[in-house]
Amino acid sequence: MHQVVLELSGSRKVHVISEHGTKEEALDKYVKLVEANKGSPITSKGKYTIRKKPD
């Protein structure tokens, strides 16, 4: 299970945007978010990343 998350700047907190069964599905979601943000993973609130779901 993989998650697309927004790592909040200035803190260690993350906001889970979506969860996916495969890394490929998570990558598709990540790419769509980055494209919607003018091609940048960095936003005013933090940055988008993909991670393996913690146990």
C-alpha atoms as a PDB file:
ATOM      1  CA  MET A   1       0.000   0.000   0.000  1.00  0.00           C
ATOM      2  CA  HIS A   2       1.360   3.417  -0.970  1.00  0.00           C
ATOM      3  CA  GLN A   3       0.185   6.901  -0.032  1.00  0.00           C
ATOM      4  CA  VAL A   4       0.335  10.249  -1.768  1.00  0.00           C
ATOM      5  CA  VAL A   5       0.957  12.798   0.970  1.00  0.00           C
ATOM      6  CA  LEU A   6       1.476  16.519   1.424  1.00  0.00           C
ATOM      7  CA  GLU A   7       4.421  17.113   3.776  1.00  0.00           C
ATOM      8  CA  LEU A   8       3.526  20.312   5.602  1.00  0.00           C
ATOM      9  CA  SER A   9       6.305  22.895   5.626  1.00  0.00           C
ATOM     10  CA  GLY A  10       7.589  23.967   9.018  1.00  0.00           C
ATOM     11  CA  SER A  11       6.422  20.780  10.730  1.00  0.00           C
ATOM     12  CA  ARG A  12       6.837  17.018  10.688  1.00  0.00           C
ATOM     13  CA  LYS A  13       3.141  16.484   9.979  1.00  0.00           C
ATOM     14  CA  VAL A  14       1.839  15.029   6.738  1.00  0.00           C
ATOM     15  CA  HIS A  15      -1.614  15.149   5.189  1.00  0.00           C
ATOM     16  CA  VAL A  16      -2.617  11.909   3.448  1.00  0.00           C
ATOM     17  CA  ILE A  17      -4.257  12.778   0.129  1.00  0.00           C
ATOM     18  CA  SER A  18      -4.915   9.242  -1.115  1.00  0.00           C
ATOM     19  CA  GLU A  19      -3.972   5.580  -0.663  1.00  0.00           C
ATOM     20  CA  HIS A  20      -3.259   3.156  -3.486  1.00  0.00           C
ATOM     21  CA  GLY A  21      -2.625  -0.572  -3.765  1.00  0.00           C
ATOM     22  CA  THR A  22       0.390  -0.180  -6.055  1.00  0.00           C
ATOM     23  CA  LYS A  23       3.198   2.321  -6.429  1.00  0.00           C
ATOM     24  CA  GLU A  24       2.187   2.881 -10.070  1.00  0.00           C
ATOM     25  CA  GLU A  25      -1.315   4.023  -9.069  1.00  0.00           C
ATOM     26  CA  ALA A  26       0.170   6.337  -6.449  1.00  0.00           C
ATOM     27  CA  LEU A  27       2.593   7.724  -9.040  1.00  0.00           C
ATOM     28  CA  ASP A  28      -0.307   8.478 -11.419  1.00  0.00           C
ATOM     29  CA  LYS A  29      -2.076  10.479  -8.685  1.00  0.00           C
ATOM     30  CA  TYR A  30       1.174  12.257  -7.778  1.00  0.00           C
ATOM     31  CA  VAL A  31       1.816  13.256 -11.400  1.00  0.00           C
ATOM     32  CA  LYS A  32      -1.731  14.651 -11.718  1.00  0.00           C
ATOM     33  CA  LEU A  33      -1.273  16.740  -8.563  1.00  0.00           C
ATOM     34  CA  VAL A  34       2.096  18.075  -9.741  1.00  0.00           C
ATOM     35  CA  GLU A  35       0.707  18.940 -13.203  1.00  0.00           C
ATOM     36  CA  ALA A  36      -2.229  20.747 -11.586  1.00  0.00           C
ATOM     37  CA  ASN A  37       0.312  22.738  -9.548  1.00  0.00           C
ATOM     38  CA  LYS A  38       2.073  24.159 -12.634  1.00  0.00           C
ATOM     39  CA  GLY A  39       4.556  21.269 -12.798  1.00  0.00           C
ATOM     40  CA  SER A  40       5.974  21.708  -9.298  1.00  0.00           C
ATOM     41  CA  PRO A  41       5.666  19.320  -6.319  1.00  0.00           C
ATOM     42  CA  ILE A  42       6.187  22.289  -3.973  1.00  0.00           C
ATOM     43  CA  THR A  43       3.088  24.197  -2.850  1.00  0.00           C
ATOM     44  CA  SER A  44       2.525  27.123  -0.506  1.00  0.00           C
ATOM     45  CA  LYS A  45       1.677  24.635   2.269  1.00  0.00           C
ATOM     46  CA  GLY A  46       4.389  22.040   1.672  1.00  0.00           C
ATOM     47  CA  LYS A  47       5.358  19.466  -0.939  1.00  0.00           C
ATOM     48  CA  TYR A  48       3.802  16.360  -2.465  1.00  0.00           C
ATOM     49  CA  THR A  49       5.531  13.009  -2.010  1.00  0.00           C
ATOM     50  CA  ILE A  50       4.824   9.289  -2.269  1.00  0.00           C
ATOM     51  CA  ARG A  51       5.537   6.950   0.608  1.00  0.00           C
ATOM     52  CA  LYS A  52       4.953   3.361   1.591  1.00  0.00           C
ATOM     53  CA  LYS A  53       2.107   3.195   4.107  1.00  0.00           C
ATOM     54  CA  PRO A  54       3.551   2.860   7.622  1.00  0.00           C
ATOM     55  CA  ASP A  55       2.644  -0.349   9.465  1.00  0.00           C
END
